[in-house]
Protein backbone atom coordinates (compact mmCIF):
# COMPACT_ATOMS: atom_id res chain seq x y z
CA UNK A 1 42.72 152.05 3.92
CA UNK A 2 44.44 151.21 7.13
CA UNK A 3 48.08 152.17 6.52
CA UNK A 4 50.09 150.12 8.90
CA UNK A 5 53.78 149.36 9.25
CA UNK A 6 54.85 146.36 11.20
CA UNK A 7 58.26 145.16 12.08
CA UNK A 8 58.03 141.39 11.97
CA UNK A 9 61.48 140.18 12.75
CA UNK A 10 62.36 137.75 15.45
CA UNK A 11 64.44 134.69 15.94
CA UNK A 12 63.51 131.34 14.42
CA UNK A 13 65.75 128.49 15.35
CA UNK A 14 66.98 125.56 13.37
CA UNK A 15 67.53 127.17 9.95
CA UNK A 16 70.05 125.33 7.81
CA UNK A 17 70.62 125.71 4.09
CA UNK A 18 72.68 123.54 1.77
CA UNK A 19 73.99 124.64 -1.65
CA UNK A 20 74.64 122.16 -4.43
CA UNK A 21 76.35 123.86 -7.38
CA UNK A 22 76.03 121.06 -9.91
CA UNK A 23 75.79 117.30 -10.07
CA UNK A 24 78.72 115.81 -8.22
CA UNK A 25 79.49 118.97 -6.23
CA UNK A 26 79.69 118.67 -2.48
CA UNK A 27 76.91 120.21 -0.38
CA UNK A 28 77.88 123.32 1.49
CA UNK A 29 76.37 124.41 4.79
CA UNK A 30 75.16 127.97 4.38
CA UNK A 31 75.41 130.55 7.14
CA UNK A 32 72.26 131.83 8.76
CA UNK A 33 71.70 135.55 9.18
CA UNK A 34 72.81 137.31 12.34
CA UNK A 35 70.16 139.17 14.32
CA UNK A 36 68.64 141.57 13.62
CA UNK A 37 67.68 140.30 10.20
CA UNK A 38 64.04 141.26 9.89
CA UNK A 39 61.87 142.58 7.08
CA UNK A 40 59.65 145.65 7.42
CA UNK A 41 56.14 145.14 6.01
CA UNK A 42 54.07 148.18 5.04
CA UNK A 43 50.63 148.23 3.42
CA UNK A 44 50.70 150.87 0.64
CA UNK A 45 47.38 150.28 -1.18
CA UNK A 46 44.14 148.35 -1.02
CA UNK A 47 42.12 147.40 -4.10
CA UNK A 48 38.39 146.79 -3.71
CA UNK A 49 36.62 146.90 -0.38
CA UNK A 50 33.29 148.14 0.97
CA UNK A 51 32.77 150.97 -1.52
CA UNK A 52 34.48 149.45 -4.58
CA UNK A 53 31.39 149.32 -6.82
CA UNK A 54 32.46 148.23 -10.31
CA UNK A 55 36.00 148.04 -8.93
CA UNK A 56 35.02 144.89 -6.98
CA UNK A 57 37.88 142.42 -6.78
CA UNK A 58 37.54 138.68 -7.11
CA UNK A 59 40.18 136.13 -6.17
CA UNK A 60 43.26 137.46 -7.98
CA UNK A 61 45.20 135.54 -10.60
CA UNK A 62 47.86 138.13 -11.43
CA UNK A 63 48.81 141.71 -10.59
CA UNK A 64 51.31 144.07 -12.21
CA UNK A 65 52.35 147.70 -11.61
CA UNK A 66 53.22 150.33 -14.20
CA UNK A 67 55.97 152.91 -13.73
CA UNK A 68 53.40 155.62 -12.86
CA UNK A 69 52.14 153.51 -9.94
CA UNK A 70 48.93 152.16 -11.50
CA UNK A 71 48.01 148.57 -10.67
CA UNK A 72 46.68 146.10 -13.24
CA UNK A 73 44.60 143.20 -11.84
CA UNK A 74 43.36 139.97 -13.38
CA UNK A 75 40.91 138.04 -11.23
CA UNK A 76 38.56 135.09 -11.42
CA UNK A 77 35.47 137.27 -11.04
CA UNK A 78 35.79 138.99 -14.40
CA UNK A 79 38.39 136.99 -16.23
CA UNK A 80 37.80 138.56 -19.62
CA UNK A 81 39.14 141.98 -18.67
CA UNK A 82 41.95 143.82 -16.89
CA UNK A 83 41.04 146.14 -14.01
CA UNK A 84 43.09 149.30 -13.57
CA UNK A 85 43.58 150.98 -10.17
CA UNK A 86 45.43 154.15 -9.24
CA UNK A 87 48.53 154.19 -6.99
CA UNK A 88 46.28 154.64 -3.93
CA UNK A 89 44.06 151.68 -4.93
CA UNK A 90 41.16 153.72 -6.39
CA UNK A 91 39.43 151.93 -9.27
CA UNK A 92 39.84 153.76 -12.61
CA UNK A 93 38.51 151.55 -15.41
CA UNK A 94 38.63 148.14 -17.06
CA UNK A 95 39.91 147.15 -20.50
CA UNK A 96 39.05 144.09 -22.56
CA UNK A 97 35.95 142.01 -23.12
CA UNK A 98 35.05 138.40 -23.81
CA UNK A 99 35.95 137.16 -27.26
CA UNK A 100 38.69 135.97 -29.56
CA UNK A 101 39.53 139.21 -31.38
CA UNK A 102 42.32 141.72 -30.66
CA UNK A 103 42.00 143.09 -27.14
CA UNK A 104 39.47 140.38 -26.22
CA UNK A 105 40.06 137.62 -23.70
CA UNK A 106 38.54 134.44 -22.32
CA UNK A 107 40.32 134.20 -18.95
CA UNK A 108 43.35 136.37 -18.25
CA UNK A 109 45.83 134.28 -16.25
CA UNK A 110 48.83 136.58 -16.02
CA UNK A 111 49.85 140.18 -16.57
CA UNK A 112 53.52 141.14 -16.87
CA UNK A 113 55.05 144.58 -17.22
CA UNK A 114 57.88 144.53 -19.73
CA UNK A 115 60.44 147.23 -20.61
CA UNK A 116 59.01 150.64 -21.32
CA UNK A 117 55.69 149.82 -19.65
CA UNK A 118 54.79 147.40 -22.44
CA UNK A 119 52.20 144.96 -21.04
CA UNK A 120 52.14 141.21 -21.70
CA UNK A 121 48.81 139.45 -21.12
CA UNK A 122 48.44 135.69 -21.14
CA UNK A 123 44.96 134.37 -21.94
CA UNK A 124 44.37 130.94 -20.40
CA UNK A 125 44.79 127.75 -22.44
CA UNK A 126 41.23 126.62 -21.79
CA UNK A 127 40.07 129.70 -23.73
CA UNK A 128 42.36 131.41 -26.25
CA UNK A 129 45.80 130.15 -25.13
CA UNK A 130 47.63 133.19 -26.42
CA UNK A 131 49.75 136.16 -25.45
CA UNK A 132 48.71 139.72 -26.22
CA UNK A 133 51.17 142.63 -26.13
CA UNK A 134 49.72 146.02 -25.19
CA UNK A 135 51.10 149.56 -25.01
CA UNK A 136 50.96 151.48 -21.72
CA UNK A 137 47.67 153.01 -22.88
CA UNK A 138 46.31 149.50 -23.61
CA UNK A 139 46.45 149.53 -27.40
CA UNK A 140 47.02 146.09 -28.95
CA UNK A 141 50.45 145.65 -30.51
CA UNK A 142 50.27 141.96 -31.38
CA UNK A 143 48.70 138.66 -30.43
CA UNK A 144 50.30 135.21 -30.70
CA UNK A 145 49.99 131.65 -29.38
CA UNK A 146 52.22 130.35 -26.59
CA UNK A 147 53.71 127.47 -28.54
CA UNK A 148 52.62 124.84 -26.02
CA UNK A 149 49.87 122.27 -26.55
CA UNK A 150 48.57 123.22 -23.09
CA UNK A 151 48.97 126.51 -21.29
CA UNK A 152 51.56 127.27 -18.60
CA UNK A 153 50.81 127.16 -14.89
CA UNK A 154 53.64 129.62 -14.17
CA UNK A 155 55.74 131.64 -16.59
CA UNK A 156 58.62 134.12 -16.58
CA UNK A 157 59.81 136.35 -19.40
CA UNK A 158 63.51 136.90 -20.25
CA UNK A 159 65.04 140.11 -21.57
CA UNK A 160 65.08 138.87 -25.20
CA UNK A 161 61.31 138.19 -25.12
CA UNK A 162 61.61 134.41 -24.77
CA UNK A 163 59.74 132.72 -21.96
CA UNK A 164 60.27 129.79 -19.61
CA UNK A 165 57.03 128.04 -18.67
CA UNK A 166 56.03 125.31 -16.24
CA UNK A 167 53.63 122.73 -17.63
CA UNK A 168 53.04 118.99 -17.96
CA UNK A 169 53.10 118.12 -21.67
CA UNK A 170 51.99 114.62 -22.64
CA UNK A 171 54.33 114.15 -25.57
CA UNK A 172 56.61 111.07 -25.76
CA UNK A 173 59.76 113.12 -26.42
CA UNK A 174 59.38 115.54 -23.49
CA UNK A 175 56.99 113.88 -21.05
CA UNK A 176 58.12 114.25 -17.44
CA UNK A 177 60.02 117.50 -18.07
CA UNK A 178 58.41 120.39 -16.19
CA UNK A 179 60.12 123.43 -17.82
CA UNK A 180 59.88 124.66 -21.38
CA UNK A 181 61.62 127.49 -23.23
CA UNK A 182 59.46 129.26 -25.81
CA UNK A 183 60.90 131.72 -28.35
CA UNK A 184 59.63 135.31 -28.70
CA UNK A 185 57.76 134.09 -31.79
CA UNK A 186 55.91 131.46 -29.73
CA UNK A 187 57.84 128.36 -30.83
CA UNK A 188 58.72 125.61 -28.37
CA UNK A 189 62.52 125.55 -28.24
CA UNK A 190 63.49 123.14 -25.46
CA UNK A 191 62.08 121.15 -22.55
CA UNK A 192 64.06 120.43 -19.38
CA UNK A 193 63.89 120.78 -15.60
CA UNK A 194 64.28 117.18 -14.34
CA UNK A 195 67.03 114.62 -14.71
CA UNK A 196 65.81 111.94 -14.96
CA UNK A 197 62.32 112.98 -16.08
CA UNK A 198 59.55 112.80 -13.49
CA UNK A 199 57.84 109.40 -13.65
CA UNK A 200 54.63 110.08 -11.72
CA UNK A 201 52.61 111.98 -14.34
CA UNK A 202 49.39 111.91 -12.29
CA UNK A 203 50.84 113.96 -9.45
CA UNK A 204 50.85 117.56 -10.61
CA UNK A 205 52.46 118.71 -7.36
CA UNK A 206 55.73 116.99 -8.31
CA UNK A 207 55.75 118.93 -11.61
CA UNK A 208 54.80 122.34 -10.26
CA UNK A 209 57.51 125.03 -10.24
CA UNK A 210 57.39 128.66 -9.20
CA UNK A 211 59.54 130.63 -11.64
CA UNK A 212 61.63 133.80 -11.46
CA UNK A 213 64.13 135.24 -13.91
CA UNK A 214 67.65 134.98 -12.49
CA UNK A 215 69.60 136.51 -15.42
CA UNK A 216 69.38 136.97 -19.17
CA UNK A 217 69.94 133.24 -19.63
CA UNK A 218 68.90 131.52 -16.40
CA UNK A 219 65.78 131.09 -14.29
CA UNK A 220 65.03 130.05 -10.73
CA UNK A 221 62.57 127.13 -10.43
CA UNK A 222 61.14 126.39 -6.97
CA UNK A 223 59.44 123.11 -6.11
CA UNK A 224 56.14 123.41 -4.28
CA UNK A 225 56.17 120.41 -1.95
CA UNK A 226 59.81 120.50 -0.87
CA UNK A 227 62.09 123.41 -0.11
CA UNK A 228 64.30 123.11 -3.17
CA UNK A 229 65.07 125.93 -5.59
CA UNK A 230 67.09 125.24 -8.73
CA UNK A 231 68.78 127.59 -11.18
CA UNK A 232 68.47 126.39 -14.77
CA UNK A 233 69.94 127.79 -17.95
CA UNK A 234 67.61 128.19 -20.94
CA UNK A 235 69.79 125.52 -22.60
CA UNK A 236 68.51 123.07 -20.02
CA UNK A 237 71.53 122.82 -17.68
CA UNK A 238 71.06 122.98 -13.92
CA UNK A 239 73.54 125.53 -12.58
CA UNK A 240 72.95 125.10 -8.84
CA UNK A 241 70.45 123.89 -6.28
CA UNK A 242 69.40 125.48 -3.00
CA UNK A 243 67.83 123.10 -0.49
CA UNK A 244 66.70 123.89 3.01
CA UNK A 245 66.43 120.99 5.44
CA UNK A 246 64.36 121.89 8.49
CA UNK A 247 61.94 119.76 10.55
CA UNK A 248 59.00 122.11 9.97
CA UNK A 249 59.14 121.55 6.19
CA UNK A 250 59.52 117.84 5.51
CA UNK A 251 59.46 117.01 1.77
CA UNK A 252 56.13 115.46 0.81
CA UNK A 253 54.66 113.98 -2.35
CA UNK A 254 51.48 116.00 -2.37
CA UNK A 255 50.19 119.29 -1.05
CA UNK A 256 46.94 121.18 -0.87
CA UNK A 257 44.89 118.54 0.92
CA UNK A 258 42.55 119.83 3.61
CA UNK A 259 42.09 117.69 6.70
CA UNK A 260 40.22 118.83 9.80
CA UNK A 261 42.55 116.70 11.97
CA UNK A 262 45.90 117.85 10.57
CA UNK A 263 47.42 121.24 9.81
CA UNK A 264 48.16 122.01 6.17
CA UNK A 265 51.53 120.95 4.83
CA UNK A 266 53.99 123.82 4.31
CA UNK A 267 54.26 124.77 0.64
CA UNK A 268 56.83 126.80 -1.16
CA UNK A 269 55.08 129.84 -2.58
CA UNK A 270 56.04 132.57 -5.04
CA UNK A 271 59.70 133.54 -5.53
CA UNK A 272 61.33 136.68 -6.89
CA UNK A 273 64.84 137.68 -7.90
CA UNK A 274 65.44 141.38 -7.39
CA UNK A 275 67.79 143.76 -9.21
CA UNK A 276 70.50 143.15 -6.59
CA UNK A 277 70.33 139.40 -7.27
CA UNK A 278 68.76 138.56 -3.93
CA UNK A 279 66.26 135.71 -4.01
CA UNK A 280 62.99 136.39 -2.11
CA UNK A 281 61.13 133.23 -1.11
CA UNK A 282 57.62 132.88 0.30
CA UNK A 283 56.66 129.74 2.23
CA UNK A 284 53.02 129.12 3.16
CA UNK A 285 52.91 127.67 6.69
CA UNK A 286 49.99 126.76 9.01
CA UNK A 287 48.57 129.57 11.09
CA UNK A 288 48.46 129.11 14.87
CA UNK A 289 44.66 128.60 14.82
CA UNK A 290 44.28 127.12 11.37
CA UNK A 291 41.30 124.97 12.42
CA UNK A 292 39.16 128.07 12.93
CA UNK A 293 39.34 128.89 9.21
CA UNK A 294 37.74 125.62 8.08
CA UNK A 295 34.11 125.54 6.99
CA UNK A 296 31.83 123.49 4.74
CA UNK A 297 30.94 125.02 1.38
CA UNK A 298 29.34 123.60 -1.78
CA UNK A 299 31.57 122.92 -4.77
CA UNK A 300 30.42 123.70 -8.34
CA UNK A 301 28.43 120.45 -8.34
CA UNK A 302 26.59 121.24 -5.10
CA UNK A 303 28.59 118.78 -3.00
CA UNK A 304 29.68 119.97 0.46
CA UNK A 305 33.40 120.10 0.99
CA UNK A 306 35.76 121.35 3.66
CA UNK A 307 37.56 124.57 2.66
CA UNK A 308 39.51 127.36 4.40
CA UNK A 309 36.85 130.06 4.43
CA UNK A 310 39.38 132.80 5.13
CA UNK A 311 42.83 131.82 3.75
CA UNK A 312 44.46 134.46 5.96
CA UNK A 313 43.32 132.54 9.05
CA UNK A 314 44.44 129.23 7.55
CA UNK A 315 48.03 129.96 6.54
CA UNK A 316 50.76 132.48 7.31
CA UNK A 317 53.52 133.57 4.97
CA UNK A 318 57.12 133.04 5.94
CA UNK A 319 59.39 135.31 3.87
CA UNK A 320 63.09 134.64 3.46
CA UNK A 321 65.70 136.57 1.50
CA UNK A 322 68.69 134.53 0.28
CA UNK A 323 71.91 135.84 -1.23
CA UNK A 324 72.76 133.13 -3.80
CA UNK A 325 76.28 134.49 -4.14
CA UNK A 326 77.25 133.74 -0.56
CA UNK A 327 74.55 131.22 0.33
CA UNK A 328 73.53 133.33 3.34
CA UNK A 329 70.04 134.14 4.49
CA UNK A 330 70.11 137.91 4.88
CA UNK A 331 66.57 138.49 6.20
CA UNK A 332 63.39 136.72 7.23
CA UNK A 333 60.00 137.43 8.75
CA UNK A 334 56.59 135.87 9.29
CA UNK A 335 53.28 137.59 8.57
CA UNK A 336 49.65 136.53 8.86
CA UNK A 337 49.04 137.71 5.29
CA UNK A 338 48.81 134.92 2.72
CA UNK A 339 51.04 136.25 -0.04
CA UNK A 340 49.92 135.26 -3.54
CA UNK A 341 52.63 136.81 -5.68
CA UNK A 342 55.26 139.46 -6.30
CA UNK A 343 54.39 142.67 -8.15
CA UNK A 344 57.94 144.04 -8.42
CA UNK A 345 61.05 144.40 -6.29
CA UNK A 346 59.84 144.72 -2.70
CA UNK A 347 56.12 144.56 -3.56
CA UNK A 348 53.74 141.63 -2.98
CA UNK A 349 49.97 141.23 -3.03
CA UNK A 350 47.52 139.32 -0.88
CA UNK A 351 43.81 138.44 -0.91
CA UNK A 352 41.89 139.42 2.21
CA UNK A 353 38.49 140.51 3.54
CA UNK A 354 37.27 143.64 5.32
CA UNK A 355 35.37 143.44 8.58
CA UNK A 356 32.13 143.46 6.55
CA UNK A 357 33.40 140.46 4.53
CA UNK A 358 34.11 142.40 1.34
CA UNK A 359 37.06 141.02 -0.64
CA UNK A 360 40.18 143.17 -1.06
CA UNK A 361 43.63 142.89 -2.55
CA UNK A 362 46.31 144.41 -0.33
CA UNK A 363 49.61 145.65 -1.72
CA UNK A 364 52.47 145.23 0.77
CA UNK A 365 55.91 146.77 0.57
CA UNK A 366 58.80 144.67 1.89
CA UNK A 367 62.12 146.19 2.85
CA UNK A 368 65.17 144.92 4.66
CA UNK A 369 65.27 146.23 8.22
CA UNK A 370 68.30 148.02 9.64
CA UNK A 371 70.97 145.45 10.36
CA UNK A 372 69.83 143.03 7.65
CA UNK A 373 72.55 143.13 5.03
CA UNK A 374 74.37 140.94 2.56
């Protein structure tokens, strides 16, 4: 592994943030951070690589870390099992197999570490559509359905075991509402997240929300195609709204389209609320030479399509840290890693390739640089 620490601060002009506390409240201009306000990025582990063998990593879907430093990976390559790696990234073993019985999976979509190293595994809706609870030594405690007619795209778990999920549900009573609270027993409790409900049901980008737990009773919900992050109570009330208005991130109706003539639209990526209450935000932005990443590849039907062959060459990650209490940005940086998700406070993971084109998952540690403070 190439252990490398990079200080990726620097000044970026034109950053303005507005805070709306509730409907009818006046927008407030939020102060930008004062230099230096960088973030230190350190690679601490690499999963997979040239000599991975059975520890080969596919494109990751979810990654969690236990208190002893072990990493748990769910990927698209072997979706019916969980791969376990040591703190240094060394492959240890896999648990699970394809099936519908206890400890069996169809396609693991998310892994979450709960209190006491209890592990929550969500098995995708297109297969079993259920949640399995495991002990830290991977013994099955219980298995239950999610309570939704279709599985969540993103999900966050609250301290009482209830969950808030993002999903389009085609039911007359709740259609157009992107967020859903599900009880610990798997019952759908409430749907909310848009007032009025979203009308364009064909455009999944308008419904997509990245989720992060804000408190015992509220969650952050980030739009993908515009820089807007809302705090919602589990009762369905919007508490406040953070919106950044900058020329490099114009709000759009759709994202994810690949065009050889135009750079990719910026997209809001994963978010995370840390124990101090700071909100960490990832924005995927075009790389300087994004055109070089494009190549033609066959889709599952054999048709040639334009794709970013190496996502790291196609998009960079812009990371911002916001203090919701004051509305200030306390730190920011830009990295050429394409960050896919948060593992824990100060830990993110990426999907990359070695020089010999072997896929790897890199674990990066993020920390506020000296001078970046609340």
